């Protein structure tokens, strides 16, 4: 059973917006202890890191292709992390996953992340 649950995906037109959420699957799992990263995986491609936010929220990182368009944030009171996606493009299509790490968003190496959600599908039409 996944400790994380993603939501907010869907079908959106190019140039549109989506807001993804990452929440704990159980009340006992506290996201605030971890850095949380968002990954995506397009059909037939490797999973790639998109964005990361440190446990205290003071550090955020983005892959170059989404800089200026995506914003990661967290609400410690709600125990949730968000990915605001603006001006989405067809190349943003994929299944989006959130994952936890005890690190500080140093990298997007998959082995650096411990718990994963099942993902939420984002499809951008041109």
Foldseek 3Di string as FASTA:
>chain_A
DFQKAKDWADEAAQQAKIKMKIAGPDPVDAQLQWKKWKWWDDPPGDIDTAKIAGSVRPDIDGDPVQPPFWDWGDDRVRRMIMIIGGSDDQVVWGWMKMFTANDGPPDVDVVRTDTIHPTDGHGYHD
